[in-house]
């Protein structure tokens, strides 16, 4: 963890870390799982907010990118995993 990285306190950050405790996944999959489970009724997921949250968690050392892949003409997808700090 970075020296001054604040602990994640937003509901979205905690939900992301909770999902990554289950298994590594990319942000789009995180968003889909939250909706499937009804978490979007409690946690605000707007536009790119999940990507911003993932970026903050990665900069803070709570999660790390595991792999980046692309299928055909689809956008690149980066899979993230929780760290020991997270």
PDB file of N, CA and C in Angstrom:
ATOM      1  N   UNK A   1       0.846  -1.179   0.000  1.00  0.00           N
ATOM      2  CA  UNK A   1       0.000   0.000   0.000  1.00  0.00           C
ATOM      3  C   UNK A   1       0.882   1.230   0.000  1.00  0.00           C
ATOM      4  N   UNK A   2       0.454   2.262  -0.685  1.00  0.00           N
ATOM      5  CA  UNK A   2       1.189   3.511  -0.703  1.00  0.00           C
ATOM      6  C   UNK A   2       1.135   4.125   0.686  1.00  0.00           C
ATOM      7  N   UNK A   3       2.155   4.890   1.022  1.00  0.00           N
ATOM      8  CA  UNK A   3       2.291   5.432   2.371  1.00  0.00           C
ATOM      9  C   UNK A   3       1.071   6.219   2.836  1.00  0.00           C
ATOM     10  N   UNK A   4       0.525   7.065   1.960  1.00  0.00           N
ATOM     11  CA  UNK A   4      -0.580   7.927   2.379  1.00  0.00           C
ATOM     12  C   UNK A   4      -1.916   7.525   1.763  1.00  0.00           C
ATOM     13  N   UNK A   5      -2.036   6.316   1.286  1.00  0.00           N
ATOM     14  CA  UNK A   5      -3.278   5.888   0.649  1.00  0.00           C
ATOM     15  C   UNK A   5      -4.377   5.763   1.696  1.00  0.00           C
ATOM     16  N   UNK A   6      -5.474   6.532   1.503  1.00  0.00           N
ATOM     17  CA  UNK A   6      -6.578   6.425   2.464  1.00  0.00           C
ATOM     18  C   UNK A   6      -7.314   5.100   2.289  1.00  0.00           C
ATOM     19  N   UNK A   7      -7.851   4.617   3.368  1.00  0.00           N
ATOM     20  CA  UNK A   7      -8.644   3.393   3.301  1.00  0.00           C
ATOM     21  C   UNK A   7      -9.891   3.658   2.464  1.00  0.00           C
ATOM     22  N   UNK A   8     -10.285   2.709   1.633  1.00  0.00           N
ATOM     23  CA  UNK A   8     -11.493   2.909   0.830  1.00  0.00           C
ATOM     24  C   UNK A   8     -12.719   2.917   1.732  1.00  0.00           C
ATOM     25  N   UNK A   9     -13.521   3.961   1.613  1.00  0.00           N
ATOM     26  CA  UNK A   9     -14.679   4.090   2.501  1.00  0.00           C
ATOM     27  C   UNK A   9     -16.000   4.210   1.757  1.00  0.00           C
ATOM     28  N   UNK A  10     -15.942   4.347   0.444  1.00  0.00           N
ATOM     29  CA  UNK A  10     -17.195   4.488  -0.282  1.00  0.00           C
ATOM     30  C   UNK A  10     -17.860   3.121  -0.438  1.00  0.00           C
ATOM     31  N   UNK A  11     -19.171   3.095  -0.486  1.00  0.00           N
ATOM     32  CA  UNK A  11     -19.860   1.817  -0.682  1.00  0.00           C
ATOM     33  C   UNK A  11     -19.424   1.116  -1.971  1.00  0.00           C
ATOM     34  N   UNK A  12     -19.178   1.888  -3.030  1.00  0.00           N
ATOM     35  CA  UNK A  12     -18.765   1.288  -4.292  1.00  0.00           C
ATOM     36  C   UNK A  12     -17.386   0.642  -4.168  1.00  0.00           C
ATOM     37  N   UNK A  13     -16.450   1.312  -3.505  1.00  0.00           N
ATOM     38  CA  UNK A  13     -15.106   0.747  -3.317  1.00  0.00           C
ATOM     39  C   UNK A  13     -15.175  -0.538  -2.502  1.00  0.00           C
ATOM     40  N   UNK A  14     -15.978  -0.539  -1.468  1.00  0.00           N
ATOM     41  CA  UNK A  14     -16.117  -1.742  -0.642  1.00  0.00           C
ATOM     42  C   UNK A  14     -16.784  -2.875  -1.422  1.00  0.00           C
ATOM     43  N   UNK A  15     -17.755  -2.531  -2.268  1.00  0.00           N
ATOM     44  CA  UNK A  15     -18.422  -3.547  -3.088  1.00  0.00           C
ATOM     45  C   UNK A  15     -17.452  -4.147  -4.103  1.00  0.00           C
ATOM     46  N   UNK A  16     -16.612  -3.312  -4.706  1.00  0.00           N
ATOM     47  CA  UNK A  16     -15.611  -3.796  -5.665  1.00  0.00           C
ATOM     48  C   UNK A  16     -14.647  -4.751  -4.974  1.00  0.00           C
ATOM     49  N   UNK A  17     -14.150  -4.359  -3.816  1.00  0.00           N
ATOM     50  CA  UNK A  17     -13.201  -5.214  -3.102  1.00  0.00           C
ATOM     51  C   UNK A  17     -13.866  -6.524  -2.664  1.00  0.00           C
ATOM     52  N   UNK A  18     -15.126  -6.452  -2.276  1.00  0.00           N
ATOM     53  CA  UNK A  18     -15.857  -7.658  -1.885  1.00  0.00           C
ATOM     54  C   UNK A  18     -15.969  -8.634  -3.061  1.00  0.00           C
ATOM     55  N   UNK A  19     -16.281  -8.110  -4.241  1.00  0.00           N
ATOM     56  CA  UNK A  19     -16.367  -8.968  -5.424  1.00  0.00           C
ATOM     57  C   UNK A  19     -15.017  -9.591  -5.761  1.00  0.00           C
ATOM     58  N   UNK A  20     -13.954  -8.802  -5.626  1.00  0.00           N
ATOM     59  CA  UNK A  20     -12.627  -9.313  -5.961  1.00  0.00           C
ATOM     60  C   UNK A  20     -12.131 -10.335  -4.944  1.00  0.00           C
ATOM     61  N   UNK A  21     -12.733 -10.353  -3.762  1.00  0.00           N
ATOM     62  CA  UNK A  21     -12.391 -11.398  -2.798  1.00  0.00           C
ATOM     63  C   UNK A  21     -12.920 -12.753  -3.288  1.00  0.00           C
ATOM     64  N   UNK A  22     -13.987 -12.733  -4.082  1.00  0.00           N
ATOM     65  CA  UNK A  22     -14.548 -13.966  -4.646  1.00  0.00           C
ATOM     66  C   UNK A  22     -13.656 -14.510  -5.757  1.00  0.00           C
ATOM     67  N   UNK A  23     -13.269 -13.610  -6.673  1.00  0.00           N
ATOM     68  CA  UNK A  23     -12.420 -14.005  -7.800  1.00  0.00           C
ATOM     69  C   UNK A  23     -11.984 -12.755  -8.562  1.00  0.00           C
ATOM     70  N   UNK A  24     -10.862 -12.830  -9.275  1.00  0.00           N
ATOM     71  CA  UNK A  24     -10.443 -11.702 -10.117  1.00  0.00           C
ATOM     72  C   UNK A  24     -11.464 -11.481 -11.230  1.00  0.00           C
ATOM     73  N   UNK A  25     -11.688 -10.231 -11.609  1.00  0.00           N
ATOM     74  CA  UNK A  25     -12.612  -9.913 -12.696  1.00  0.00           C
ATOM     75  C   UNK A  25     -12.352  -8.513 -13.225  1.00  0.00           C
ATOM     76  N   UNK A  26     -12.943  -8.200 -14.361  1.00  0.00           N
ATOM     77  CA  UNK A  26     -12.798  -6.878 -14.956  1.00  0.00           C
ATOM     78  C   UNK A  26     -13.979  -6.001 -14.532  1.00  0.00           C
ATOM     79  N   UNK A  27     -13.829  -4.664 -14.627  1.00  0.00           N
ATOM     80  CA  UNK A  27     -14.869  -3.756 -14.135  1.00  0.00           C
ATOM     81  C   UNK A  27     -16.255  -3.995 -14.726  1.00  0.00           C
ATOM     82  N   UNK A  28     -16.337  -4.321 -16.007  1.00  0.00           N
ATOM     83  CA  UNK A  28     -17.656  -4.559 -16.597  1.00  0.00           C
ATOM     84  C   UNK A  28     -18.344  -5.743 -15.919  1.00  0.00           C
ATOM     85  N   UNK A  29     -17.576  -6.784 -15.634  1.00  0.00           N
ATOM     86  CA  UNK A  29     -18.136  -7.950 -14.940  1.00  0.00           C
ATOM     87  C   UNK A  29     -18.558  -7.575 -13.522  1.00  0.00           C
ATOM     88  N   UNK A  30     -17.766  -6.727 -12.854  1.00  0.00           N
ATOM     89  CA  UNK A  30     -18.126  -6.270 -11.503  1.00  0.00           C
ATOM     90  C   UNK A  30     -19.478  -5.570 -11.535  1.00  0.00           C
ATOM     91  N   UNK A  31     -19.625  -4.668 -12.506  1.00  0.00           N
ATOM     92  CA  UNK A  31     -20.872  -3.909 -12.631  1.00  0.00           C
ATOM     93  C   UNK A  31     -22.049  -4.851 -12.893  1.00  0.00           C
ATOM     94  N   UNK A  32     -21.856  -5.829 -13.771  1.00  0.00           N
ATOM     95  CA  UNK A  32     -22.919  -6.794 -14.081  1.00  0.00           C
ATOM     96  C   UNK A  32     -23.311  -7.608 -12.856  1.00  0.00           C
ATOM     97  N   UNK A  33     -22.322  -8.052 -12.105  1.00  0.00           N
ATOM     98  CA  UNK A  33     -22.609  -8.851 -10.898  1.00  0.00           C
ATOM     99  C   UNK A  33     -23.356  -8.021  -9.858  1.00  0.00           C
ATOM    100  N   UNK A  34     -22.962  -6.757  -9.699  1.00  0.00           N
ATOM    101  CA  UNK A  34     -23.654  -5.897  -8.730  1.00  0.00           C
ATOM    102  C   UNK A  34     -25.116  -5.747  -9.116  1.00  0.00           C
ATOM    103  N   UNK A  35     -25.376  -5.575 -10.416  1.00  0.00           N
ATOM    104  CA  UNK A  35     -26.763  -5.441 -10.873  1.00  0.00           C
ATOM    105  C   UNK A  35     -27.530  -6.746 -10.680  1.00  0.00           C
ATOM    106  N   UNK A  36     -26.900  -7.882 -11.003  1.00  0.00           N
ATOM    107  CA  UNK A  36     -27.550  -9.188 -10.820  1.00  0.00           C
ATOM    108  C   UNK A  36     -27.969  -9.406  -9.372  1.00  0.00           C
ATOM    109  N   UNK A  37     -27.141  -8.957  -8.458  1.00  0.00           N
ATOM    110  CA  UNK A  37     -27.383  -9.175  -7.028  1.00  0.00           C
ATOM    111  C   UNK A  37     -28.211  -8.068  -6.387  1.00  0.00           C
ATOM    112  N   UNK A  38     -28.588  -7.070  -7.167  1.00  0.00           N
ATOM    113  CA  UNK A  38     -29.389  -5.976  -6.643  1.00  0.00           C
ATOM    114  C   UNK A  38     -28.602  -4.945  -5.860  1.00  0.00           C
ATOM    115  N   UNK A  39     -27.286  -5.021  -5.914  1.00  0.00           N
ATOM    116  CA  UNK A  39     -26.464  -4.054  -5.177  1.00  0.00           C
ATOM    117  C   UNK A  39     -26.576  -2.654  -5.765  1.00  0.00           C
ATOM    118  N   UNK A  40     -26.973  -2.555  -7.036  1.00  0.00           N
ATOM    119  CA  UNK A  40     -27.119  -1.238  -7.652  1.00  0.00           C
ATOM    120  C   UNK A  40     -28.283  -0.458  -7.037  1.00  0.00           C
ATOM    121  N   UNK A  41     -29.116  -1.130  -6.249  1.00  0.00           N
ATOM    122  CA  UNK A  41     -30.194  -0.446  -5.540  1.00  0.00           C
ATOM    123  C   UNK A  41     -29.666   0.290  -4.312  1.00  0.00           C
ATOM    124  N   UNK A  42     -28.511  -0.135  -3.833  1.00  0.00           N
ATOM    125  CA  UNK A  42     -27.908   0.445  -2.630  1.00  0.00           C
ATOM    126  C   UNK A  42     -26.665   1.257  -2.975  1.00  0.00           C
ATOM    127  N   UNK A  43     -25.848   0.722  -3.876  1.00  0.00           N
ATOM    128  CA  UNK A  43     -24.588   1.357  -4.263  1.00  0.00           C
ATOM    129  C   UNK A  43     -24.805   2.111  -5.567  1.00  0.00           C
ATOM    130  N   UNK A  44     -24.436   3.387  -5.587  1.00  0.00           N
ATOM    131  CA  UNK A  44     -24.605   4.187  -6.795  1.00  0.00           C
ATOM    132  C   UNK A  44     -23.522   3.823  -7.807  1.00  0.00           C
ATOM    133  N   UNK A  45     -23.967   3.345  -8.964  1.00  0.00           N
ATOM    134  CA  UNK A  45     -23.053   2.996 -10.052  1.00  0.00           C
ATOM    135  C   UNK A  45     -23.464   3.837 -11.254  1.00  0.00           C
ATOM    136  N   UNK A  46     -22.767   4.933 -11.467  1.00  0.00           N
ATOM    137  CA  UNK A  46     -23.103   5.834 -12.566  1.00  0.00           C
ATOM    138  C   UNK A  46     -21.960   5.890 -13.571  1.00  0.00           C
ATOM    139  N   UNK A  47     -22.299   5.792 -14.844  1.00  0.00           N
ATOM    140  CA  UNK A  47     -21.319   5.947 -15.918  1.00  0.00           C
ATOM    141  C   UNK A  47     -20.009   5.244 -15.645  1.00  0.00           C
ATOM    142  N   UNK A  48     -18.945   6.021 -15.582  1.00  0.00           N
ATOM    143  CA  UNK A  48     -17.616   5.463 -15.380  1.00  0.00           C
ATOM    144  C   UNK A  48     -17.190   5.400 -13.933  1.00  0.00           C
ATOM    145  N   UNK A  49     -18.137   5.518 -13.000  1.00  0.00           N
ATOM    146  CA  UNK A  49     -17.760   5.558 -11.580  1.00  0.00           C
ATOM    147  C   UNK A  49     -17.027   4.297 -11.135  1.00  0.00           C
ATOM    148  N   UNK A  50     -17.388   3.156 -11.694  1.00  0.00           N
ATOM    149  CA  UNK A  50     -16.718   1.922 -11.288  1.00  0.00           C
ATOM    150  C   UNK A  50     -15.267   1.927 -11.766  1.00  0.00           C
ATOM    151  N   UNK A  51     -15.035   2.501 -12.963  1.00  0.00           N
ATOM    152  CA  UNK A  51     -13.669   2.571 -13.488  1.00  0.00           C
ATOM    153  C   UNK A  51     -12.829   3.547 -12.669  1.00  0.00           C
ATOM    154  N   UNK A  52     -13.421   4.657 -12.259  1.00  0.00           N
ATOM    155  CA  UNK A  52     -12.716   5.615 -11.391  1.00  0.00           C
ATOM    156  C   UNK A  52     -12.369   4.964 -10.053  1.00  0.00           C
ATOM    157  N   UNK A  53     -13.303   4.222  -9.511  1.00  0.00           N
ATOM    158  CA  UNK A  53     -13.082   3.546  -8.227  1.00  0.00           C
ATOM    159  C   UNK A  53     -11.981   2.503  -8.344  1.00  0.00           C
ATOM    160  N   UNK A  54     -12.003   1.722  -9.419  1.00  0.00           N
ATOM    161  CA  UNK A  54     -10.962   0.711  -9.647  1.00  0.00           C
ATOM    162  C   UNK A  54      -9.601   1.388  -9.757  1.00  0.00           C
ATOM    163  N   UNK A  55      -9.545   2.500 -10.467  1.00  0.00           N
ATOM    164  CA  UNK A  55      -8.279   3.232 -10.614  1.00  0.00           C
ATOM    165  C   UNK A  55      -7.760   3.711  -9.255  1.00  0.00           C
ATOM    166  N   UNK A  56      -8.641   4.261  -8.427  1.00  0.00           N
ATOM    167  CA  UNK A  56      -8.234   4.728  -7.088  1.00  0.00           C
ATOM    168  C   UNK A  56      -7.755   3.564  -6.219  1.00  0.00           C
ATOM    169  N   UNK A  57      -8.463   2.448  -6.271  1.00  0.00           N
ATOM    170  CA  UNK A  57      -8.072   1.278  -5.476  1.00  0.00           C
ATOM    171  C   UNK A  57      -6.724   0.726  -5.938  1.00  0.00           C
ATOM    172  N   UNK A  58      -6.490   0.763  -7.246  1.00  0.00           N
ATOM    173  CA  UNK A  58      -5.201   0.276  -7.758  1.00  0.00           C
ATOM    174  C   UNK A  58      -4.071   1.214  -7.343  1.00  0.00           C
ATOM    175  N   UNK A  59      -4.294   2.520  -7.460  1.00  0.00           N
ATOM    176  CA  UNK A  59      -3.271   3.488  -7.038  1.00  0.00           C
ATOM    177  C   UNK A  59      -2.983   3.375  -5.550  1.00  0.00           C
ATOM    178  N   UNK A  60      -3.990   3.032  -4.766  1.00  0.00           N
ATOM    179  CA  UNK A  60      -3.817   2.883  -3.323  1.00  0.00           C
ATOM    180  C   UNK A  60      -3.196   1.560  -2.917  1.00  0.00           C
ATOM    181  N   UNK A  61      -3.048   0.647  -3.879  1.00  0.00           N
ATOM    182  CA  UNK A  61      -2.431  -0.640  -3.581  1.00  0.00           C
ATOM    183  C   UNK A  61      -3.394  -1.685  -3.033  1.00  0.00           C
ATOM    184  N   UNK A  62      -4.701  -1.414  -3.115  1.00  0.00           N
ATOM    185  CA  UNK A  62      -5.699  -2.349  -2.592  1.00  0.00           C
ATOM    186  C   UNK A  62      -6.030  -3.456  -3.586  1.00  0.00           C
ATOM    187  N   UNK A  63      -5.907  -3.132  -4.887  1.00  0.00           N
ATOM    188  CA  UNK A  63      -6.107  -4.118  -5.940  1.00  0.00           C
ATOM    189  C   UNK A  63      -4.974  -3.968  -6.946  1.00  0.00           C
ATOM    190  N   UNK A  64      -4.809  -4.976  -7.815  1.00  0.00           N
ATOM    191  CA  UNK A  64      -3.769  -4.895  -8.847  1.00  0.00           C
ATOM    192  C   UNK A  64      -4.304  -5.509 -10.132  1.00  0.00           C
ATOM    193  N   UNK A  65      -3.785  -5.003 -11.254  1.00  0.00           N
ATOM    194  CA  UNK A  65      -4.186  -5.588 -12.530  1.00  0.00           C
ATOM    195  C   UNK A  65      -3.478  -6.918 -12.689  1.00  0.00           C
ATOM    196  N   UNK A  66      -4.208  -7.873 -13.194  1.00  0.00           N
ATOM    197  CA  UNK A  66      -3.679  -9.221 -13.319  1.00  0.00           C
ATOM    198  C   UNK A  66      -3.372  -9.553 -14.774  1.00  0.00           C
ATOM    199  N   UNK A  67      -4.267  -9.164 -15.670  1.00  0.00           N
ATOM    200  CA  UNK A  67      -4.047  -9.401 -17.097  1.00  0.00           C
ATOM    201  C   UNK A  67      -4.944  -8.488 -17.913  1.00  0.00           C
ATOM    202  N   UNK A  68      -4.504  -8.209 -19.135  1.00  0.00           N
ATOM    203  CA  UNK A  68      -5.298  -7.422 -20.066  1.00  0.00           C
ATOM    204  C   UNK A  68      -5.452  -8.243 -21.334  1.00  0.00           C
ATOM    205  N   UNK A  69      -6.674  -8.313 -21.839  1.00  0.00           N
ATOM    206  CA  UNK A  69      -6.916  -9.098 -23.051  1.00  0.00           C
ATOM    207  C   UNK A  69      -7.922  -8.376 -23.936  1.00  0.00           C
ATOM    208  N   UNK A  70      -7.958  -8.813 -25.184  1.00  0.00           N
ATOM    209  CA  UNK A  70      -8.907  -8.245 -26.138  1.00  0.00           C
ATOM    210  C   UNK A  70      -9.427  -9.383 -27.003  1.00  0.00           C
ATOM    211  N   UNK A  71     -10.728  -9.421 -27.175  1.00  0.00           N
ATOM    212  CA  UNK A  71     -11.348 -10.417 -28.048  1.00  0.00           C
ATOM    213  C   UNK A  71     -11.873  -9.707 -29.284  1.00  0.00           C
ATOM    214  N   UNK A  72     -11.310 -10.044 -30.423  1.00  0.00           N
ATOM    215  CA  UNK A  72     -11.766  -9.448 -31.678  1.00  0.00           C
ATOM    216  C   UNK A  72     -11.676  -7.937 -31.661  1.00  0.00           C
ATOM    217  N   UNK A  73     -12.784  -7.298 -32.014  1.00  0.00           N
ATOM    218  CA  UNK A  73     -12.819  -5.836 -32.089  1.00  0.00           C
ATOM    219  C   UNK A  73     -13.344  -5.202 -30.803  1.00  0.00           C
ATOM    220  N   UNK A  74     -13.532  -6.004 -29.789  1.00  0.00           N
ATOM    221  CA  UNK A  74     -14.037  -5.487 -28.507  1.00  0.00           C
ATOM    222  C   UNK A  74     -12.947  -4.679 -27.809  1.00  0.00           C
ATOM    223  N   UNK A  75     -13.334  -3.808 -26.891  1.00  0.00           N
ATOM    224  CA  UNK A  75     -12.328  -3.040 -26.133  1.00  0.00           C
ATOM    225  C   UNK A  75     -11.483  -3.953 -25.249  1.00  0.00           C
ATOM    226  N   UNK A  76     -10.291  -3.477 -24.913  1.00  0.00           N
ATOM    227  CA  UNK A  76      -9.438  -4.224 -23.985  1.00  0.00           C
ATOM    228  C   UNK A  76     -10.139  -4.355 -22.642  1.00  0.00           C
ATOM    229  N   UNK A  77      -9.918  -5.482 -22.002  1.00  0.00           N
ATOM    230  CA  UNK A  77     -10.464  -5.697 -20.658  1.00  0.00           C
ATOM    231  C   UNK A  77      -9.327  -6.068 -19.731  1.00  0.00           C
ATOM    232  N   UNK A  78      -9.229  -5.314 -18.657  1.00  0.00           N
ATOM    233  CA  UNK A  78      -8.203  -5.592 -17.658  1.00  0.00           C
ATOM    234  C   UNK A  78      -8.857  -6.286 -16.477  1.00  0.00           C
ATOM    235  N   UNK A  79      -8.309  -7.422 -16.110  1.00  0.00           N
ATOM    236  CA  UNK A  79      -8.809  -8.191 -14.970  1.00  0.00           C
ATOM    237  C   UNK A  79      -8.021  -7.761 -13.740  1.00  0.00           C
ATOM    238  N   UNK A  80      -8.741  -7.488 -12.657  1.00  0.00           N
ATOM    239  CA  UNK A  80      -8.125  -7.043 -11.409  1.00  0.00           C
ATOM    240  C   UNK A  80      -8.294  -8.097 -10.327  1.00  0.00           C
ATOM    241  N   UNK A  81      -7.351  -8.092  -9.398  1.00  0.00           N
ATOM    242  CA  UNK A  81      -7.399  -8.997  -8.247  1.00  0.00           C
ATOM    243  C   UNK A  81      -7.115  -8.186  -6.989  1.00  0.00           C
ATOM    244  N   UNK A  82      -7.622  -8.645  -5.877  1.00  0.00           N
ATOM    245  CA  UNK A  82      -7.383  -7.966  -4.602  1.00  0.00           C
ATOM    246  C   UNK A  82      -5.959  -8.287  -4.131  1.00  0.00           C
ATOM    247  N   UNK A  83      -5.330  -7.344  -3.455  1.00  0.00           N
ATOM    248  CA  UNK A  83      -3.985  -7.555  -2.920  1.00  0.00           C
ATOM    249  C   UNK A  83      -4.082  -7.958  -1.450  1.00  0.00           C
ATOM    250  N   UNK A  84      -2.958  -8.295  -0.858  1.00  0.00           N
ATOM    251  CA  UNK A  84      -2.939  -8.607   0.577  1.00  0.00           C
ATOM    252  C   UNK A  84      -3.385  -7.398   1.393  1.00  0.00           C
ATOM    253  N   UNK A  85      -3.031  -6.201   0.935  1.00  0.00           N
ATOM    254  CA  UNK A  85      -3.443  -4.973   1.618  1.00  0.00           C
ATOM    255  C   UNK A  85      -4.951  -4.805   1.558  1.00  0.00           C
ATOM    256  N   UNK A  86      -5.536  -5.124   0.382  1.00  0.00           N
ATOM    257  CA  UNK A  86      -6.979  -4.985   0.183  1.00  0.00           C
ATOM    258  C   UNK A  86      -7.731  -5.970   1.029  1.00  0.00           C
TER     259      UNK A  86
END
